C-alpha atoms as a PDB file:
ATOM      1  CA  MET A   1     -16.976  18.185 -22.166  1.00  0.00           C
ATOM      2  CA  LEU A   2     -17.330  21.639 -20.694  1.00  0.00           C
ATOM      3  CA  ASN A   3     -20.315  22.446 -18.499  1.00  0.00           C
ATOM      4  CA  ARG A   4     -21.406  26.043 -19.050  1.00  0.00           C
ATOM      5  CA  ASN A   5     -23.801  25.854 -16.105  1.00  0.00           C
ATOM      6  CA  ASP A   6     -20.967  24.983 -13.726  1.00  0.00           C
ATOM      7  CA  PRO A   7     -19.691  27.879 -11.557  1.00  0.00           C
ATOM      8  CA  ILE A   8     -16.120  26.687 -12.265  1.00  0.00           C
ATOM      9  CA  PRO A   9     -14.662  28.925 -15.021  1.00  0.00           C
ATOM     10  CA  LEU A  10     -14.430  27.352 -18.464  1.00  0.00           C
ATOM     11  CA  TYR A  11     -10.652  27.732 -18.605  1.00  0.00           C
ATOM     12  CA  GLU A  12     -10.285  25.775 -15.339  1.00  0.00           C
ATOM     13  CA  GLN A  13     -12.560  23.039 -16.701  1.00  0.00           C
ATOM     14  CA  LEU A  14     -10.475  22.876 -19.876  1.00  0.00           C
ATOM     15  CA  LYS A  15      -7.272  22.705 -17.837  1.00  0.00           C
ATOM     16  CA  SER A  16      -8.777  19.794 -15.876  1.00  0.00           C
ATOM     17  CA  ILE A  17      -9.585  17.964 -19.126  1.00  0.00           C
ATOM     18  CA  ILE A  18      -5.974  18.347 -20.266  1.00  0.00           C
ATOM     19  CA  GLU A  19      -4.809  17.148 -16.841  1.00  0.00           C
ATOM     20  CA  ASP A  20      -7.094  14.102 -16.985  1.00  0.00           C
ATOM     21  CA  ASP A  21      -5.800  13.222 -20.466  1.00  0.00           C
ATOM     22  CA  ILE A  22      -2.265  13.271 -19.076  1.00  0.00           C
ATOM     23  CA  LYS A  23      -3.112  11.211 -15.992  1.00  0.00           C
ATOM     24  CA  ASN A  24      -4.975   8.505 -17.917  1.00  0.00           C
ATOM     25  CA  GLY A  25      -2.229   8.209 -20.526  1.00  0.00           C
ATOM     26  CA  LYS A  26      -4.123   9.688 -23.459  1.00  0.00           C
ATOM     27  CA  LEU A  27      -1.373  12.318 -23.532  1.00  0.00           C
ATOM     28  CA  ARG A  28       2.133  11.167 -22.579  1.00  0.00           C
ATOM     29  CA  TYR A  29       5.369  12.913 -21.724  1.00  0.00           C
ATOM     30  CA  ASN A  30       6.661  14.947 -24.668  1.00  0.00           C
ATOM     31  CA  ASP A  31       3.414  14.571 -26.660  1.00  0.00           C
ATOM     32  CA  GLN A  32       2.215  17.770 -28.303  1.00  0.00           C
ATOM     33  CA  ILE A  33      -1.239  18.822 -27.151  1.00  0.00           C
ATOM     34  CA  PRO A  34      -3.779  20.115 -29.713  1.00  0.00           C
ATOM     35  CA  SER A  35      -3.177  23.643 -30.989  1.00  0.00           C
ATOM     36  CA  GLU A  36      -5.092  26.643 -29.643  1.00  0.00           C
ATOM     37  CA  ARG A  37      -7.191  26.659 -32.796  1.00  0.00           C
ATOM     38  CA  GLU A  38      -8.022  22.968 -32.477  1.00  0.00           C
ATOM     39  CA  LEU A  39      -9.002  23.359 -28.833  1.00  0.00           C
ATOM     40  CA  CYS A  40     -11.190  26.346 -29.684  1.00  0.00           C
ATOM     41  CA  GLN A  41     -13.029  24.301 -32.295  1.00  0.00           C
ATOM     42  CA  GLN A  42     -13.239  21.128 -30.191  1.00  0.00           C
ATOM     43  CA  PHE A  43     -14.699  22.824 -27.111  1.00  0.00           C
ATOM     44  CA  ASN A  44     -16.404  25.811 -28.783  1.00  0.00           C
ATOM     45  CA  VAL A  45     -14.605  28.386 -26.650  1.00  0.00           C
ATOM     46  CA  SER A  46     -12.664  31.565 -27.342  1.00  0.00           C
ATOM     47  CA  ARG A  47      -8.900  31.690 -27.841  1.00  0.00           C
ATOM     48  CA  ILE A  48      -8.636  33.705 -24.616  1.00  0.00           C
ATOM     49  CA  THR A  49     -10.211  30.798 -22.695  1.00  0.00           C
ATOM     50  CA  VAL A  50      -7.815  28.317 -24.302  1.00  0.00           C
ATOM     51  CA  ARG A  51      -4.804  30.488 -23.538  1.00  0.00           C
ATOM     52  CA  GLN A  52      -5.878  30.859 -19.907  1.00  0.00           C
ATOM     53  CA  ALA A  53      -6.267  27.073 -19.633  1.00  0.00           C
ATOM     54  CA  ILE A  54      -2.840  26.417 -21.145  1.00  0.00           C
ATOM     55  CA  SER A  55      -1.208  29.073 -18.941  1.00  0.00           C
ATOM     56  CA  LEU A  56      -2.735  27.480 -15.852  1.00  0.00           C
ATOM     57  CA  ALA A  57      -1.594  24.019 -16.972  1.00  0.00           C
ATOM     58  CA  GLU A  58       1.888  25.407 -17.510  1.00  0.00           C
ATOM     59  CA  LYS A  59       1.977  27.007 -14.047  1.00  0.00           C
ATOM     60  CA  GLU A  60       1.018  23.647 -12.536  1.00  0.00           C
ATOM     61  CA  GLY A  61       3.859  21.916 -14.400  1.00  0.00           C
ATOM     62  CA  LEU A  62       1.580  19.859 -16.649  1.00  0.00           C
ATOM     63  CA  VAL A  63       2.803  21.276 -19.958  1.00  0.00           C
ATOM     64  CA  GLN A  64       5.614  23.369 -21.349  1.00  0.00           C
ATOM     65  CA  ARG A  65       5.426  25.793 -24.272  1.00  0.00           C
ATOM     66  CA  LEU A  66       8.156  26.030 -26.882  1.00  0.00           C
ATOM     67  CA  HIS A  67       7.973  29.326 -28.727  1.00  0.00           C
ATOM     68  CA  GLY A  68       7.155  28.853 -32.372  1.00  0.00           C
ATOM     69  CA  VAL A  69       6.824  25.086 -31.988  1.00  0.00           C
ATOM     70  CA  GLY A  70       3.857  24.230 -29.751  1.00  0.00           C
ATOM     71  CA  THR A  71       2.845  23.049 -26.290  1.00  0.00           C
ATOM     72  CA  PHE A  72       4.033  19.689 -24.997  1.00  0.00           C
ATOM     73  CA  VAL A  73       3.322  17.453 -22.019  1.00  0.00           C
ATOM     74  CA  ALA A  74       5.966  18.166 -19.393  1.00  0.00           C
ATOM     75  CA  LYS A  75       7.908  15.545 -17.498  1.00  0.00           C
ATOM     76  CA  PRO A  76       6.115  14.944 -14.167  1.00  0.00           C
ATOM     77  CA  LYS A  77       7.634  16.674 -11.147  1.00  0.00           C
ATOM     78  CA  ILE A  78       8.637  14.721  -8.059  1.00  0.00           C
ATOM     79  CA  GLN A  79       5.725  14.946  -5.626  1.00  0.00           C
ATOM     80  CA  GLN A  80       6.653  15.230  -1.954  1.00  0.00           C
ATOM     81  CA  GLU A  81       4.166  15.404   0.909  1.00  0.00           C
ATOM     82  CA  LEU A  82       5.059  17.933   3.625  1.00  0.00           C
ATOM     83  CA  THR A  83       3.121  16.495   6.560  1.00  0.00           C
ATOM     84  CA  THR A  84       5.319  13.391   6.827  1.00  0.00           C
ATOM     85  CA  ILE A  85       9.051  12.609   6.665  1.00  0.00           C
ATOM     86  CA  ASN A  86       9.670  11.015   3.285  1.00  0.00           C
ATOM     87  CA  ASN A  87      12.357   8.488   2.395  1.00  0.00           C
ATOM     88  CA  PHE A  88      14.517   9.854  -0.449  1.00  0.00           C
ATOM     89  CA  LYS A  89      14.646   6.578  -2.361  1.00  0.00           C
ATOM     90  CA  SER A  90      10.919   5.786  -2.145  1.00  0.00           C
ATOM     91  CA  THR A  91       9.959   9.362  -3.062  1.00  0.00           C
ATOM     92  CA  LEU A  92      11.821   9.068  -6.359  1.00  0.00           C
ATOM     93  CA  GLU A  93      10.770   5.480  -7.019  1.00  0.00           C
ATOM     94  CA  LYS A  94       7.111   6.550  -6.914  1.00  0.00           C
ATOM     95  CA  GLN A  95       7.905   8.795  -9.873  1.00  0.00           C
ATOM     96  CA  GLY A  96       9.703   6.000 -11.747  1.00  0.00           C
ATOM     97  CA  LEU A  97      13.157   7.483 -11.125  1.00  0.00           C
ATOM     98  CA  LEU A  98      16.327   5.670 -10.087  1.00  0.00           C
ATOM     99  CA  ALA A  99      17.649   7.389  -6.954  1.00  0.00           C
ATOM    100  CA  SER A 100      21.300   7.693  -5.942  1.00  0.00           C
ATOM    101  CA  THR A 101      23.359   9.811  -3.542  1.00  0.00           C
ATOM    102  CA  GLN A 102      26.860  11.193  -3.851  1.00  0.00           C
ATOM    103  CA  TYR A 103      29.209  13.042  -1.548  1.00  0.00           C
ATOM    104  CA  HIS A 104      30.037  16.576  -2.589  1.00  0.00           C
ATOM    105  CA  ASP A 105      32.146  17.386   0.466  1.00  0.00           C
ATOM    106  CA  SER A 106      32.718  16.412   4.083  1.00  0.00           C
ATOM    107  CA  LYS A 107      34.786  18.509   6.465  1.00  0.00           C
ATOM    108  CA  VAL A 108      35.251  19.536  10.080  1.00  0.00           C
ATOM    109  CA  ILE A 109      34.869  23.250  10.753  1.00  0.00           C
ATOM    110  CA  SER A 110      34.665  25.504  13.807  1.00  0.00           C
ATOM    111  CA  SER A 111      31.268  26.698  14.916  1.00  0.00           C
ATOM    112  CA  ASP A 112      30.473  30.354  14.325  1.00  0.00           C
ATOM    113  CA  PHE A 113      27.889  32.331  16.276  1.00  0.00           C
ATOM    114  CA  GLN A 114      24.966  31.226  14.084  1.00  0.00           C
ATOM    115  CA  LEU A 115      25.795  27.514  14.185  1.00  0.00           C
ATOM    116  CA  SER A 116      26.459  27.606  17.914  1.00  0.00           C
ATOM    117  CA  ARG A 117      23.034  29.110  18.463  1.00  0.00           C
ATOM    118  CA  LEU A 118      21.268  26.666  16.128  1.00  0.00           C
ATOM    119  CA  LEU A 119      23.019  23.537  17.442  1.00  0.00           C
ATOM    120  CA  HIS A 120      23.195  24.628  21.105  1.00  0.00           C
ATOM    121  CA  ILE A 121      26.991  24.394  21.247  1.00  0.00           C
ATOM    122  CA  ASP A 122      29.777  26.836  22.044  1.00  0.00           C
ATOM    123  CA  VAL A 123      31.404  29.127  19.532  1.00  0.00           C
ATOM    124  CA  MET A 124      34.520  27.474  18.040  1.00  0.00           C
ATOM    125  CA  ASP A 125      33.308  23.955  18.949  1.00  0.00           C
ATOM    126  CA  LYS A 126      33.935  21.391  16.208  1.00  0.00           C
ATOM    127  CA  VAL A 127      31.154  20.905  13.669  1.00  0.00           C
ATOM    128  CA  LEU A 128      30.880  18.311  10.915  1.00  0.00           C
ATOM    129  CA  ASN A 129      29.695  19.749   7.600  1.00  0.00           C
ATOM    130  CA  LEU A 130      28.266  17.038   5.330  1.00  0.00           C
ATOM    131  CA  GLN A 131      27.355  17.977   1.759  1.00  0.00           C
ATOM    132  CA  LEU A 132      25.367  15.510  -0.349  1.00  0.00           C
ATOM    133  CA  VAL A 133      23.893  15.517  -3.837  1.00  0.00           C
ATOM    134  CA  GLY A 134      20.702  13.564  -4.518  1.00  0.00           C
ATOM    135  CA  LEU A 135      20.262  12.317  -8.073  1.00  0.00           C
ATOM    136  CA  GLY A 136      17.338  10.990 -10.084  1.00  0.00           C
ATOM    137  CA  ASP A 137      18.292   8.895 -13.119  1.00  0.00           C
ATOM    138  CA  ASP A 138      21.884  10.152 -12.647  1.00  0.00           C
ATOM    139  CA  SER A 139      20.789  13.795 -12.887  1.00  0.00           C
ATOM    140  CA  PRO A 140      21.392  16.041  -9.816  1.00  0.00           C
ATOM    141  CA  ILE A 141      18.084  17.289  -8.433  1.00  0.00           C
ATOM    142  CA  VAL A 142      18.796  18.309  -4.820  1.00  0.00           C
ATOM    143  CA  PHE A 143      21.782  19.555  -2.818  1.00  0.00           C
ATOM    144  CA  TYR A 144      21.876  18.912   0.950  1.00  0.00           C
ATOM    145  CA  ASN A 145      24.227  21.021   3.091  1.00  0.00           C
ATOM    146  CA  SER A 146      24.088  19.725   6.694  1.00  0.00           C
ATOM    147  CA  TYR A 147      25.800  20.716   9.941  1.00  0.00           C
ATOM    148  CA  PHE A 148      26.125  18.546  13.057  1.00  0.00           C
ATOM    149  CA  GLU A 149      27.744  18.802  16.449  1.00  0.00           C
ATOM    150  CA  TYR A 150      30.987  16.882  15.927  1.00  0.00           C
ATOM    151  CA  ASN A 151      30.208  13.670  17.859  1.00  0.00           C
ATOM    152  CA  ILE A 152      26.742  13.396  16.350  1.00  0.00           C
ATOM    153  CA  GLY A 153      28.143  14.210  12.935  1.00  0.00           C
ATOM    154  CA  MET A 154      30.745  11.451  13.069  1.00  0.00           C
ATOM    155  CA  LYS A 155      28.027   8.883  13.769  1.00  0.00           C
ATOM    156  CA  ILE A 156      25.986  10.188  10.835  1.00  0.00           C
ATOM    157  CA  LYS A 157      29.036  10.179   8.564  1.00  0.00           C
ATOM    158  CA  GLU A 158      29.837   6.552   9.428  1.00  0.00           C
ATOM    159  CA  SER A 159      26.289   5.642   8.447  1.00  0.00           C
ATOM    160  CA  ALA A 160      26.608   7.704   5.264  1.00  0.00           C
ATOM    161  CA  ASP A 161      29.912   6.034   4.376  1.00  0.00           C
ATOM    162  CA  LEU A 162      28.268   2.632   4.682  1.00  0.00           C
ATOM    163  CA  ALA A 163      25.300   3.677   2.522  1.00  0.00           C
ATOM    164  CA  ILE A 164      27.653   5.066  -0.139  1.00  0.00           C
ATOM    165  CA  GLU A 165      29.701   1.854  -0.054  1.00  0.00           C
ATOM    166  CA  LYS A 166      26.558  -0.251  -0.545  1.00  0.00           C
ATOM    167  CA  ASN A 167      25.169   2.167  -3.161  1.00  0.00           C
ATOM    168  CA  ILE A 168      22.043   2.841  -1.089  1.00  0.00           C
ATOM    169  CA  PRO A 169      20.275   6.151  -1.914  1.00  0.00           C
ATOM    170  CA  PHE A 170      19.694   8.372   1.120  1.00  0.00           C
ATOM    171  CA  SER A 171      19.342  11.814   2.602  1.00  0.00           C
ATOM    172  CA  THR A 172      20.583  12.553   6.110  1.00  0.00           C
ATOM    173  CA  LEU A 173      17.064  11.980   7.452  1.00  0.00           C
ATOM    174  CA  ASP A 174      17.358   8.340   6.354  1.00  0.00           C
ATOM    175  CA  LEU A 175      20.505   7.796   8.439  1.00  0.00           C
ATOM    176  CA  TYR A 176      19.176   8.346  11.950  1.00  0.00           C
ATOM    177  CA  GLU A 177      17.665   4.872  12.156  1.00  0.00           C
ATOM    178  CA  ASN A 178      21.201   3.437  11.859  1.00  0.00           C
ATOM    179  CA  VAL A 179      22.642   5.378  14.807  1.00  0.00           C
ATOM    180  CA  GLU A 180      21.568   5.756  18.425  1.00  0.00           C
ATOM    181  CA  LEU A 181      19.497   8.855  17.773  1.00  0.00           C
ATOM    182  CA  ALA A 182      15.736   9.218  17.596  1.00  0.00           C
ATOM    183  CA  PRO A 183      14.486  12.451  15.961  1.00  0.00           C
ATOM    184  CA  THR A 184      11.113  13.598  17.252  1.00  0.00           C
ATOM    185  CA  HIS A 185      10.358  16.533  14.966  1.00  0.00           C
ATOM    186  CA  VAL A 186      11.784  18.954  12.429  1.00  0.00           C
ATOM    187  CA  GLU A 187      11.272  22.701  12.065  1.00  0.00           C
ATOM    188  CA  GLN A 188      11.421  23.944   8.464  1.00  0.00           C
ATOM    189  CA  THR A 189      11.162  27.128   6.453  1.00  0.00           C
ATOM    190  CA  PHE A 190      10.579  27.352   2.690  1.00  0.00           C
ATOM    191  CA  GLU A 191      11.586  30.046   0.224  1.00  0.00           C
ATOM    192  CA  SER A 192      12.211  30.403  -3.495  1.00  0.00           C
ATOM    193  CA  VAL A 193      15.737  31.474  -4.413  1.00  0.00           C
ATOM    194  CA  ALA A 194      17.896  31.869  -7.493  1.00  0.00           C
ATOM    195  CA  ALA A 195      20.850  29.507  -7.841  1.00  0.00           C
ATOM    196  CA  ASN A 196      24.193  31.110  -7.031  1.00  0.00           C
ATOM    197  CA  GLU A 197      27.353  30.057  -8.842  1.00  0.00           C
ATOM    198  CA  HIS A 198      28.284  27.412  -6.250  1.00  0.00           C
ATOM    199  CA  VAL A 199      24.903  25.645  -6.191  1.00  0.00           C
ATOM    200  CA  SER A 200      24.373  25.985  -9.946  1.00  0.00           C
ATOM    201  CA  ASP A 201      27.623  24.077 -10.541  1.00  0.00           C
ATOM    202  CA  ILE A 202      26.480  21.295  -8.220  1.00  0.00           C
ATOM    203  CA  LEU A 203      22.982  20.967  -9.717  1.00  0.00           C
ATOM    204  CA  HIS A 204      24.119  21.500 -13.327  1.00  0.00           C
ATOM    205  CA  VAL A 205      21.883  24.507 -13.911  1.00  0.00           C
ATOM    206  CA  GLU A 206      22.449  28.097 -14.983  1.00  0.00           C
ATOM    207  CA  THR A 207      23.205  30.777 -12.401  1.00  0.00           C
ATOM    208  CA  GLY A 208      19.890  32.346 -11.444  1.00  0.00           C
ATOM    209  CA  PHE A 209      17.924  29.115 -12.057  1.00  0.00           C
ATOM    210  CA  PRO A 210      14.819  28.872  -9.795  1.00  0.00           C
ATOM    211  CA  LEU A 211      15.306  26.688  -6.720  1.00  0.00           C
ATOM    212  CA  LEU A 212      13.318  25.886  -3.603  1.00  0.00           C
ATOM    213  CA  ARG A 213      15.445  26.387  -0.487  1.00  0.00           C
ATOM    214  CA  ILE A 214      14.354  24.520   2.644  1.00  0.00           C
ATOM    215  CA  THR A 215      16.120  25.119   5.933  1.00  0.00           C
ATOM    216  CA  SER A 216      15.591  22.422   8.543  1.00  0.00           C
ATOM    217  CA  ILE A 217      16.474  21.909  12.190  1.00  0.00           C
ATOM    218  CA  VAL A 218      16.075  18.283  13.272  1.00  0.00           C
ATOM    219  CA  PHE A 219      15.330  17.789  16.973  1.00  0.00           C
ATOM    220  CA  GLN A 220      15.367  14.936  19.441  1.00  0.00           C
ATOM    221  CA  ASP A 221      12.953  16.490  21.928  1.00  0.00           C
ATOM    222  CA  THR A 222      14.717  19.797  22.745  1.00  0.00           C
ATOM    223  CA  LEU A 223      18.157  18.717  21.470  1.00  0.00           C
ATOM    224  CA  PRO A 224      18.998  19.984  17.961  1.00  0.00           C
ATOM    225  CA  LEU A 225      20.669  17.185  16.009  1.00  0.00           C
ATOM    226  CA  GLU A 226      21.152  18.801  12.603  1.00  0.00           C
ATOM    227  CA  TYR A 227      20.893  22.096  10.798  1.00  0.00           C
ATOM    228  CA  LYS A 228      20.408  21.638   7.059  1.00  0.00           C
ATOM    229  CA  GLU A 229      19.984  23.781   3.976  1.00  0.00           C
ATOM    230  CA  SER A 230      18.432  21.901   1.044  1.00  0.00           C
ATOM    231  CA  TYR A 231      18.250  23.236  -2.497  1.00  0.00           C
ATOM    232  CA  TYR A 232      15.682  21.555  -4.772  1.00  0.00           C
ATOM    233  CA  ARG A 233      15.535  22.183  -8.517  1.00  0.00           C
ATOM    234  CA  GLY A 234      12.333  24.074  -9.249  1.00  0.00           C
ATOM    235  CA  ASP A 235      11.763  22.174 -12.488  1.00  0.00           C
ATOM    236  CA  LYS A 236      11.976  18.783 -10.765  1.00  0.00           C
ATOM    237  CA  TYR A 237      10.111  19.065  -7.452  1.00  0.00           C
ATOM    238  CA  ARG A 238       6.632  19.968  -6.317  1.00  0.00           C
ATOM    239  CA  PHE A 239       5.764  19.978  -2.605  1.00  0.00           C
ATOM    240  CA  PHE A 240       2.203  19.684  -1.368  1.00  0.00           C
ATOM    241  CA  ILE A 241       0.292  19.600   1.879  1.00  0.00           C
ATOM    242  CA  THR A 242      -3.216  18.520   2.874  1.00  0.00           C
ATOM    243  CA  ARG A 243      -4.872  20.842   5.364  1.00  0.00           C
ATOM    244  CA  LYS A 244      -7.863  19.737   7.410  1.00  0.00           C
ATOM    245  CA  TRP A 245     -10.777  22.138   7.687  1.00  0.00           C
END
């Protein structure tokens, strides 16, 4: 029940109750939650409080509203911790999803100024561009677009070929353990973007669909091993981090 003596706003308390009902299985995926009127009566609060609680739950990906129909429990997003390097397969398995990986493209290109600077190579040196699609339950959820110095890239591609042949789910970060490379750290930036026509075709979404774009540079000490652009579907992924005080 709601505690009116608690400094936490009533709408946040109500959102937490809805969240707890979802976590403990009282409300399951695709179940319709009680109407605004029912929640007002059950918890003796105003409709404004109920609407604030539902809006907050929707922002956190707990529920989704269908206009003229009602509010339903949303499918859980894939949770991924940012402070550690996560295995693609195990990340999806924790959410009860079957992971798989497919090639989208693999080609050798010449380094331009940007890639030469990022990978510490000369302009016009050969670069391997490896493009992968990560799927959950056969639905595309992430697009990986990676660039490697040619010799490093060929080692990674051999490992990728073997994983594809054995039907082992992977991202490029999972392949380093199979080659004579030992990444020490990764530098990343995060931004929200709208899907362009190319990426929307790959991820089976509409142009303009919300995505999370992560750019990564993987290092072995001071040597850059990989530059990667990853595009995660905004309706499928949620990233989180724990900060120590």
